[in-house]
């Protein structure tokens, strides 16, 4: 594996979006992030999340994608299991610093709320809770009434995590 490390990280950095949107590819990306994390790889993941839509104009933003949001969720949950210092490389801190002002918008979608609920289990949970505090009423409304009459399960999970 030592001989493949650089190649694996390079492939994951260059093809981040494709890997994150693919069920099998996401497993490879998660393993590489867990074992060979680099700042460039984490930055590529955050940039893919920031894109308004996928490479083809028909695909959803990554945090709305059926596989993409699960990839982010698993990456955050994986990071939450590790003990980390403030100096350690952290995808959660990079994600939070990039999306701090947009957390309310992310929370207003079902899949985005699931991603944020997993973010609340990482080292940035206190900061994220504080940032989401002003959006709690809207999240609660979406959990009860939802959009178009459909209750959003992700908002319910996020609301429980905010307590």
N, C-alpha and C. Protein backbone atom coordinates (compact mmCIF):
# COMPACT_ATOMS: atom_id res chain seq x y z
N UNK A 1 0.82 -1.20 0.00
CA UNK A 1 0.00 0.00 0.00
C UNK A 1 0.86 1.26 0.00
N UNK A 2 2.01 1.18 0.60
CA UNK A 2 2.92 2.33 0.64
C UNK A 2 3.25 2.80 -0.78
N UNK A 3 3.40 1.86 -1.70
CA UNK A 3 3.75 2.21 -3.07
C UNK A 3 2.58 2.84 -3.82
N UNK A 4 1.37 2.57 -3.37
CA UNK A 4 0.18 3.10 -4.03
C UNK A 4 -0.35 4.38 -3.41
N UNK A 5 0.14 4.73 -2.24
CA UNK A 5 -0.40 5.86 -1.49
C UNK A 5 -0.49 7.12 -2.35
N UNK A 6 0.60 7.54 -2.93
CA UNK A 6 0.63 8.78 -3.71
C UNK A 6 -0.34 8.71 -4.89
N UNK A 7 -0.37 7.57 -5.57
CA UNK A 7 -1.28 7.39 -6.71
C UNK A 7 -2.74 7.43 -6.29
N UNK A 8 -3.07 6.78 -5.18
CA UNK A 8 -4.44 6.78 -4.69
C UNK A 8 -4.90 8.18 -4.31
N UNK A 9 -4.07 8.90 -3.61
CA UNK A 9 -4.41 10.27 -3.22
C UNK A 9 -4.57 11.15 -4.46
N UNK A 10 -3.69 10.98 -5.43
CA UNK A 10 -3.75 11.75 -6.66
C UNK A 10 -5.05 11.48 -7.43
N UNK A 11 -5.43 10.23 -7.56
CA UNK A 11 -6.68 9.87 -8.25
C UNK A 11 -7.88 10.45 -7.51
N UNK A 12 -7.88 10.33 -6.19
CA UNK A 12 -9.00 10.85 -5.40
C UNK A 12 -9.10 12.37 -5.48
N UNK A 13 -7.97 13.04 -5.55
CA UNK A 13 -7.96 14.50 -5.64
C UNK A 13 -8.44 14.96 -7.01
N UNK A 14 -8.03 14.28 -8.05
CA UNK A 14 -8.40 14.69 -9.40
C UNK A 14 -9.82 14.29 -9.80
N UNK A 15 -10.34 13.22 -9.21
CA UNK A 15 -11.65 12.70 -9.59
C UNK A 15 -12.61 12.68 -8.39
N UNK A 16 -12.51 13.68 -7.56
CA UNK A 16 -13.28 13.73 -6.32
C UNK A 16 -14.78 13.63 -6.56
N UNK A 17 -15.29 14.46 -7.45
CA UNK A 17 -16.74 14.47 -7.66
C UNK A 17 -17.25 13.13 -8.17
N UNK A 18 -16.59 12.55 -9.13
CA UNK A 18 -17.02 11.25 -9.65
C UNK A 18 -17.04 10.19 -8.55
N UNK A 19 -16.01 10.19 -7.72
CA UNK A 19 -15.93 9.20 -6.64
C UNK A 19 -17.01 9.44 -5.59
N UNK A 20 -17.28 10.70 -5.28
CA UNK A 20 -18.26 11.01 -4.24
C UNK A 20 -19.68 10.68 -4.68
N UNK A 21 -19.95 10.71 -5.96
CA UNK A 21 -21.30 10.45 -6.47
C UNK A 21 -21.52 8.98 -6.85
N UNK A 22 -20.51 8.16 -6.69
CA UNK A 22 -20.58 6.76 -7.06
C UNK A 22 -20.49 5.90 -5.81
N UNK A 23 -21.38 4.95 -5.68
CA UNK A 23 -21.43 4.13 -4.47
C UNK A 23 -20.10 3.41 -4.20
N UNK A 24 -19.56 2.77 -5.20
CA UNK A 24 -18.28 2.06 -5.02
C UNK A 24 -17.12 3.05 -4.90
N UNK A 25 -17.15 4.09 -5.71
CA UNK A 25 -16.09 5.11 -5.66
C UNK A 25 -16.02 5.81 -4.32
N UNK A 26 -17.20 6.03 -3.72
CA UNK A 26 -17.21 6.71 -2.42
C UNK A 26 -16.52 5.88 -1.35
N UNK A 27 -16.63 4.57 -1.46
CA UNK A 27 -15.96 3.70 -0.49
C UNK A 27 -14.44 3.82 -0.62
N UNK A 28 -13.97 3.91 -1.85
CA UNK A 28 -12.53 4.10 -2.08
C UNK A 28 -12.09 5.44 -1.50
N UNK A 29 -12.86 6.50 -1.80
CA UNK A 29 -12.52 7.84 -1.30
C UNK A 29 -12.49 7.88 0.22
N UNK A 30 -13.46 7.27 0.84
CA UNK A 30 -13.52 7.25 2.31
C UNK A 30 -12.30 6.54 2.89
N UNK A 31 -11.94 5.41 2.33
CA UNK A 31 -10.76 4.67 2.80
C UNK A 31 -9.48 5.49 2.63
N UNK A 32 -9.35 6.15 1.49
CA UNK A 32 -8.15 6.98 1.25
C UNK A 32 -8.12 8.14 2.25
N UNK A 33 -9.26 8.77 2.49
CA UNK A 33 -9.32 9.88 3.45
C UNK A 33 -8.98 9.41 4.87
N UNK A 34 -9.44 8.23 5.23
CA UNK A 34 -9.16 7.71 6.57
C UNK A 34 -7.69 7.38 6.76
N UNK A 35 -7.05 6.88 5.70
CA UNK A 35 -5.68 6.38 5.85
C UNK A 35 -4.60 7.31 5.32
N UNK A 36 -4.91 8.12 4.31
CA UNK A 36 -3.90 8.96 3.68
C UNK A 36 -4.39 10.40 3.50
N UNK A 37 -5.01 10.96 4.50
CA UNK A 37 -5.58 12.30 4.39
C UNK A 37 -4.52 13.35 4.05
N UNK A 38 -4.88 14.23 3.10
CA UNK A 38 -4.01 15.36 2.78
C UNK A 38 -4.89 16.61 2.69
N UNK A 39 -4.26 17.74 2.86
CA UNK A 39 -4.99 19.00 2.77
C UNK A 39 -5.57 19.19 1.37
N UNK A 40 -4.84 18.79 0.35
CA UNK A 40 -5.32 18.94 -1.03
C UNK A 40 -6.55 18.09 -1.28
N UNK A 41 -6.57 16.90 -0.75
CA UNK A 41 -7.72 16.02 -0.92
C UNK A 41 -8.94 16.59 -0.21
N UNK A 42 -8.77 17.03 1.03
CA UNK A 42 -9.89 17.63 1.76
C UNK A 42 -10.38 18.90 1.08
N UNK A 43 -9.45 19.69 0.55
CA UNK A 43 -9.83 20.91 -0.16
C UNK A 43 -10.65 20.56 -1.41
N UNK A 44 -10.26 19.51 -2.11
CA UNK A 44 -11.00 19.08 -3.30
C UNK A 44 -12.42 18.65 -2.92
N UNK A 45 -12.58 17.98 -1.81
CA UNK A 45 -13.90 17.56 -1.33
C UNK A 45 -14.76 18.77 -1.02
N UNK A 46 -14.21 19.74 -0.32
CA UNK A 46 -14.96 20.95 0.03
C UNK A 46 -15.36 21.72 -1.23
N UNK A 47 -14.47 21.80 -2.19
CA UNK A 47 -14.79 22.51 -3.44
C UNK A 47 -15.90 21.83 -4.22
N UNK A 48 -15.91 20.51 -4.22
CA UNK A 48 -16.99 19.77 -4.89
C UNK A 48 -18.32 20.06 -4.18
N UNK A 49 -18.29 20.14 -2.87
CA UNK A 49 -19.51 20.46 -2.11
C UNK A 49 -20.00 21.88 -2.41
N UNK A 50 -19.08 22.77 -2.70
CA UNK A 50 -19.42 24.17 -2.95
C UNK A 50 -20.00 24.40 -4.35
N UNK A 51 -19.76 23.48 -5.27
CA UNK A 51 -20.27 23.65 -6.63
C UNK A 51 -21.80 23.61 -6.61
N UNK A 52 -22.43 24.46 -7.43
CA UNK A 52 -23.89 24.54 -7.45
C UNK A 52 -24.55 23.30 -8.03
N UNK A 53 -23.87 22.65 -8.94
CA UNK A 53 -24.41 21.43 -9.55
C UNK A 53 -23.25 20.57 -10.00
N UNK A 54 -23.58 19.38 -10.43
CA UNK A 54 -22.55 18.44 -10.85
C UNK A 54 -21.92 18.83 -12.17
N UNK A 55 -21.00 17.99 -12.63
CA UNK A 55 -20.30 18.25 -13.89
C UNK A 55 -21.26 18.36 -15.06
N UNK A 56 -22.26 17.49 -15.10
CA UNK A 56 -23.29 17.67 -16.12
C UNK A 56 -24.42 18.48 -15.48
N UNK A 57 -25.04 19.34 -16.24
CA UNK A 57 -26.01 20.28 -15.70
C UNK A 57 -27.25 19.63 -15.11
N UNK A 58 -27.43 18.35 -15.33
CA UNK A 58 -28.61 17.66 -14.86
C UNK A 58 -28.47 17.14 -13.44
N UNK A 59 -27.27 17.04 -12.93
CA UNK A 59 -27.08 16.47 -11.60
C UNK A 59 -27.25 17.52 -10.51
N UNK A 60 -27.66 17.05 -9.37
CA UNK A 60 -27.91 17.90 -8.21
C UNK A 60 -26.60 18.36 -7.58
N UNK A 61 -26.67 19.42 -6.76
CA UNK A 61 -25.48 19.76 -5.96
C UNK A 61 -25.09 18.55 -5.10
N UNK A 62 -23.84 18.42 -4.76
CA UNK A 62 -23.36 17.23 -4.08
C UNK A 62 -24.10 16.94 -2.78
N UNK A 63 -24.41 17.98 -2.01
CA UNK A 63 -25.08 17.76 -0.73
C UNK A 63 -26.54 17.35 -0.90
N UNK A 64 -27.05 17.40 -2.12
CA UNK A 64 -28.40 16.95 -2.43
C UNK A 64 -28.39 15.61 -3.17
N UNK A 65 -27.23 15.17 -3.59
CA UNK A 65 -27.09 13.94 -4.35
C UNK A 65 -27.32 12.73 -3.44
N UNK A 66 -28.00 11.71 -3.97
CA UNK A 66 -28.34 10.53 -3.17
C UNK A 66 -27.10 9.84 -2.59
N UNK A 67 -26.04 9.74 -3.35
CA UNK A 67 -24.82 9.10 -2.86
C UNK A 67 -23.87 10.13 -2.26
N UNK A 68 -23.79 11.31 -2.86
CA UNK A 68 -22.86 12.35 -2.41
C UNK A 68 -23.08 12.78 -0.97
N UNK A 69 -24.34 12.95 -0.58
CA UNK A 69 -24.58 13.37 0.80
C UNK A 69 -24.20 12.27 1.79
N UNK A 70 -24.40 11.01 1.39
CA UNK A 70 -23.99 9.91 2.26
C UNK A 70 -22.47 9.83 2.39
N UNK A 71 -21.77 10.14 1.30
CA UNK A 71 -20.31 10.16 1.34
C UNK A 71 -19.82 11.17 2.37
N UNK A 72 -20.40 12.38 2.31
CA UNK A 72 -20.00 13.42 3.28
C UNK A 72 -20.35 12.98 4.70
N UNK A 73 -21.52 12.42 4.86
CA UNK A 73 -21.94 11.96 6.18
C UNK A 73 -20.95 10.94 6.73
N UNK A 74 -20.56 9.97 5.90
CA UNK A 74 -19.62 8.94 6.36
C UNK A 74 -18.23 9.51 6.62
N UNK A 75 -17.81 10.48 5.82
CA UNK A 75 -16.51 11.11 6.07
C UNK A 75 -16.50 11.83 7.42
N UNK A 76 -17.58 12.55 7.74
CA UNK A 76 -17.66 13.23 9.04
C UNK A 76 -17.74 12.24 10.19
N UNK A 77 -18.53 11.18 10.02
CA UNK A 77 -18.64 10.18 11.08
C UNK A 77 -17.31 9.46 11.31
N UNK A 78 -16.59 9.21 10.23
CA UNK A 78 -15.27 8.59 10.34
C UNK A 78 -14.32 9.49 11.12
N UNK A 79 -14.36 10.78 10.80
CA UNK A 79 -13.49 11.73 11.51
C UNK A 79 -13.88 11.86 12.98
N UNK A 80 -15.17 11.75 13.27
CA UNK A 80 -15.62 11.91 14.66
C UNK A 80 -15.13 10.78 15.55
N UNK A 81 -14.81 9.64 14.97
CA UNK A 81 -14.34 8.49 15.74
C UNK A 81 -12.87 8.63 16.14
N UNK A 82 -12.16 9.53 15.46
CA UNK A 82 -10.74 9.73 15.76
C UNK A 82 -10.60 10.85 16.77
N UNK A 83 -9.67 10.70 17.69
CA UNK A 83 -9.38 11.82 18.59
C UNK A 83 -8.46 12.78 17.83
N UNK A 84 -8.80 14.05 17.90
CA UNK A 84 -8.00 15.01 17.13
C UNK A 84 -7.66 16.23 17.96
N UNK A 85 -6.54 16.81 17.63
CA UNK A 85 -6.12 18.07 18.22
C UNK A 85 -6.50 19.19 17.27
N UNK A 86 -6.41 20.41 17.75
CA UNK A 86 -6.72 21.56 16.89
C UNK A 86 -5.73 21.69 15.74
N UNK A 87 -4.55 21.11 15.89
CA UNK A 87 -3.54 21.21 14.85
C UNK A 87 -3.69 20.14 13.77
N UNK A 88 -4.46 19.09 14.07
CA UNK A 88 -4.63 18.00 13.11
C UNK A 88 -5.43 18.46 11.89
N UNK A 89 -5.16 17.82 10.78
CA UNK A 89 -5.90 18.07 9.55
C UNK A 89 -7.34 17.59 9.75
N UNK A 90 -8.31 18.44 9.41
CA UNK A 90 -9.70 18.09 9.67
C UNK A 90 -10.60 18.53 8.52
N UNK A 91 -11.29 17.58 7.93
CA UNK A 91 -12.27 17.88 6.89
C UNK A 91 -13.42 18.69 7.48
N UNK A 92 -13.84 18.35 8.68
CA UNK A 92 -14.95 19.06 9.32
C UNK A 92 -14.62 20.54 9.52
N UNK A 93 -13.41 20.85 9.97
CA UNK A 93 -13.02 22.26 10.15
C UNK A 93 -12.96 22.99 8.81
N UNK A 94 -12.44 22.32 7.79
CA UNK A 94 -12.37 22.95 6.46
C UNK A 94 -13.77 23.18 5.91
N UNK A 95 -14.65 22.21 6.06
CA UNK A 95 -16.03 22.33 5.60
C UNK A 95 -16.72 23.46 6.35
N UNK A 96 -16.57 23.47 7.67
CA UNK A 96 -17.23 24.50 8.48
C UNK A 96 -16.75 25.90 8.10
N UNK A 97 -15.44 26.07 7.95
CA UNK A 97 -14.93 27.40 7.63
C UNK A 97 -15.41 27.87 6.26
N UNK A 98 -15.62 26.96 5.33
CA UNK A 98 -16.10 27.31 3.99
C UNK A 98 -17.61 27.60 3.99
N UNK A 99 -18.39 26.86 4.78
CA UNK A 99 -19.85 26.92 4.73
C UNK A 99 -20.50 27.54 5.96
N UNK A 100 -19.73 28.16 6.82
CA UNK A 100 -20.28 28.71 8.06
C UNK A 100 -21.52 29.58 7.82
N UNK A 101 -21.45 30.47 6.85
CA UNK A 101 -22.56 31.38 6.58
C UNK A 101 -23.72 30.70 5.85
N UNK A 102 -23.49 29.52 5.29
CA UNK A 102 -24.51 28.84 4.50
C UNK A 102 -25.15 27.65 5.21
N UNK A 103 -24.84 27.45 6.47
CA UNK A 103 -25.35 26.28 7.18
C UNK A 103 -26.88 26.28 7.24
N UNK A 104 -27.50 27.43 7.35
CA UNK A 104 -28.96 27.52 7.38
C UNK A 104 -29.58 27.03 6.08
N UNK A 105 -28.97 27.41 4.96
CA UNK A 105 -29.47 26.94 3.66
C UNK A 105 -29.30 25.44 3.51
N UNK A 106 -28.17 24.93 3.96
CA UNK A 106 -27.91 23.49 3.88
C UNK A 106 -28.92 22.73 4.74
N UNK A 107 -29.22 23.29 5.91
CA UNK A 107 -30.14 22.64 6.84
C UNK A 107 -31.58 22.61 6.32
N UNK A 108 -31.90 23.46 5.37
CA UNK A 108 -33.28 23.51 4.87
C UNK A 108 -33.59 22.42 3.85
N UNK A 109 -32.60 21.60 3.53
CA UNK A 109 -32.87 20.45 2.65
C UNK A 109 -32.71 19.17 3.45
N UNK A 110 -33.46 18.17 3.08
CA UNK A 110 -33.46 16.91 3.82
C UNK A 110 -32.08 16.28 3.88
N UNK A 111 -31.45 16.10 2.73
CA UNK A 111 -30.14 15.45 2.69
C UNK A 111 -29.06 16.33 3.31
N UNK A 112 -29.15 17.63 3.10
CA UNK A 112 -28.21 18.56 3.71
C UNK A 112 -28.28 18.50 5.23
N UNK A 113 -29.49 18.35 5.76
CA UNK A 113 -29.67 18.26 7.21
C UNK A 113 -29.01 17.00 7.77
N UNK A 114 -29.09 15.91 7.02
CA UNK A 114 -28.40 14.68 7.46
C UNK A 114 -26.89 14.90 7.51
N UNK A 115 -26.34 15.60 6.52
CA UNK A 115 -24.91 15.90 6.50
C UNK A 115 -24.54 16.74 7.73
N UNK A 116 -25.34 17.76 8.01
CA UNK A 116 -25.05 18.63 9.16
C UNK A 116 -25.19 17.89 10.49
N UNK A 117 -26.10 16.95 10.57
CA UNK A 117 -26.23 16.18 11.82
C UNK A 117 -24.97 15.37 12.08
N UNK A 118 -24.33 14.89 11.03
CA UNK A 118 -23.07 14.17 11.22
C UNK A 118 -21.91 15.14 11.50
N UNK A 119 -21.99 16.36 10.94
CA UNK A 119 -20.98 17.39 11.23
C UNK A 119 -21.00 17.73 12.72
N UNK A 120 -22.19 17.68 13.33
CA UNK A 120 -22.34 18.00 14.75
C UNK A 120 -21.71 16.95 15.67
N UNK A 121 -21.19 15.90 15.12
CA UNK A 121 -20.51 14.89 15.92
C UNK A 121 -18.99 15.02 15.84
N UNK A 122 -18.52 16.04 15.12
CA UNK A 122 -17.08 16.24 14.93
C UNK A 122 -16.56 17.32 15.87
N UNK A 123 -15.33 17.71 15.67
CA UNK A 123 -14.68 18.69 16.53
C UNK A 123 -15.26 20.10 16.40
N UNK A 124 -16.07 20.36 15.38
CA UNK A 124 -16.65 21.70 15.20
C UNK A 124 -18.09 21.78 15.70
N UNK A 125 -18.51 20.80 16.50
CA UNK A 125 -19.92 20.74 16.90
C UNK A 125 -20.38 21.99 17.64
N UNK A 126 -19.57 22.54 18.54
CA UNK A 126 -19.99 23.72 19.29
C UNK A 126 -20.16 24.94 18.38
N UNK A 127 -19.22 25.13 17.47
CA UNK A 127 -19.32 26.24 16.53
C UNK A 127 -20.52 26.07 15.61
N UNK A 128 -20.72 24.85 15.13
CA UNK A 128 -21.83 24.58 14.20
C UNK A 128 -23.18 24.75 14.90
N UNK A 129 -23.27 24.30 16.14
CA UNK A 129 -24.52 24.47 16.89
C UNK A 129 -24.82 25.95 17.06
N UNK A 130 -23.80 26.72 17.38
CA UNK A 130 -23.98 28.16 17.55
C UNK A 130 -24.44 28.81 16.25
N UNK A 131 -23.84 28.40 15.13
CA UNK A 131 -24.21 28.97 13.83
C UNK A 131 -25.63 28.57 13.43
N UNK A 132 -26.06 27.39 13.82
CA UNK A 132 -27.40 26.91 13.45
C UNK A 132 -28.49 27.36 14.43
N UNK A 133 -28.10 27.92 15.55
CA UNK A 133 -29.06 28.32 16.57
C UNK A 133 -30.13 29.26 16.02
N UNK A 134 -29.74 30.21 15.20
CA UNK A 134 -30.68 31.17 14.65
C UNK A 134 -31.62 30.55 13.61
N UNK A 135 -31.32 29.37 13.14
CA UNK A 135 -32.14 28.69 12.13
C UNK A 135 -33.00 27.57 12.75
N UNK A 136 -32.95 27.44 14.06
CA UNK A 136 -33.63 26.35 14.74
C UNK A 136 -35.14 26.35 14.49
N UNK A 137 -35.74 27.52 14.47
CA UNK A 137 -37.18 27.62 14.25
C UNK A 137 -37.56 27.11 12.86
N UNK A 138 -36.80 27.50 11.87
CA UNK A 138 -37.05 27.05 10.49
C UNK A 138 -36.84 25.54 10.35
N UNK A 139 -35.79 25.03 10.99
CA UNK A 139 -35.51 23.59 10.95
C UNK A 139 -36.65 22.83 11.62
N UNK A 140 -37.13 23.34 12.74
CA UNK A 140 -38.24 22.71 13.45
C UNK A 140 -39.50 22.69 12.59
N UNK A 141 -39.76 23.78 11.90
CA UNK A 141 -40.93 23.86 11.02
C UNK A 141 -40.82 22.83 9.89
N UNK A 142 -39.63 22.72 9.30
CA UNK A 142 -39.43 21.75 8.23
C UNK A 142 -39.54 20.31 8.73
N UNK A 143 -39.14 20.07 9.97
CA UNK A 143 -39.24 18.73 10.55
C UNK A 143 -40.70 18.34 10.78
N UNK A 144 -41.54 19.34 11.11
CA UNK A 144 -42.95 19.06 11.40
C UNK A 144 -43.82 19.14 10.15
N UNK A 145 -43.65 20.21 9.37
CA UNK A 145 -44.52 20.44 8.22
C UNK A 145 -43.84 20.09 6.90
N UNK A 146 -42.54 20.29 6.84
CA UNK A 146 -41.76 19.97 5.66
C UNK A 146 -42.05 20.87 4.48
N UNK A 147 -41.57 20.46 3.34
CA UNK A 147 -41.81 21.16 2.09
C UNK A 147 -42.92 20.41 1.36
N UNK A 148 -43.88 21.13 0.87
CA UNK A 148 -45.00 20.52 0.14
C UNK A 148 -45.74 19.48 0.99
N UNK A 149 -45.81 19.71 2.28
CA UNK A 149 -46.53 18.79 3.16
C UNK A 149 -45.76 17.55 3.57
N UNK A 150 -44.56 17.35 3.06
CA UNK A 150 -43.75 16.18 3.42
C UNK A 150 -42.81 16.55 4.55
N UNK A 151 -42.90 15.82 5.65
CA UNK A 151 -41.98 16.06 6.76
C UNK A 151 -40.58 15.66 6.34
N UNK A 152 -39.60 16.44 6.74
CA UNK A 152 -38.21 16.15 6.38
C UNK A 152 -37.52 15.42 7.53
N UNK A 153 -37.24 14.16 7.32
CA UNK A 153 -36.61 13.33 8.35
C UNK A 153 -35.22 13.86 8.72
N UNK A 154 -34.50 14.39 7.74
CA UNK A 154 -33.17 14.93 8.00
C UNK A 154 -33.23 16.10 8.97
N UNK A 155 -34.25 16.94 8.82
CA UNK A 155 -34.41 18.08 9.74
C UNK A 155 -34.75 17.61 11.14
N UNK A 156 -35.52 16.55 11.24
CA UNK A 156 -35.83 15.97 12.57
C UNK A 156 -34.57 15.46 13.24
N UNK A 157 -33.74 14.75 12.49
CA UNK A 157 -32.47 14.23 13.02
C UNK A 157 -31.55 15.39 13.42
N UNK A 158 -31.49 16.42 12.59
CA UNK A 158 -30.66 17.58 12.89
C UNK A 158 -31.16 18.30 14.13
N UNK A 159 -32.47 18.44 14.25
CA UNK A 159 -33.06 19.09 15.42
C UNK A 159 -32.70 18.33 16.70
N UNK A 160 -32.76 17.00 16.63
CA UNK A 160 -32.38 16.19 17.79
C UNK A 160 -30.91 16.37 18.12
N UNK A 161 -30.06 16.50 17.10
CA UNK A 161 -28.62 16.67 17.32
C UNK A 161 -28.31 18.05 17.91
N UNK A 162 -29.16 19.02 17.64
CA UNK A 162 -28.94 20.38 18.14
C UNK A 162 -29.28 20.50 19.63
N UNK A 163 -29.98 19.54 20.18
CA UNK A 163 -30.38 19.61 21.61
C UNK A 163 -29.23 19.31 22.50
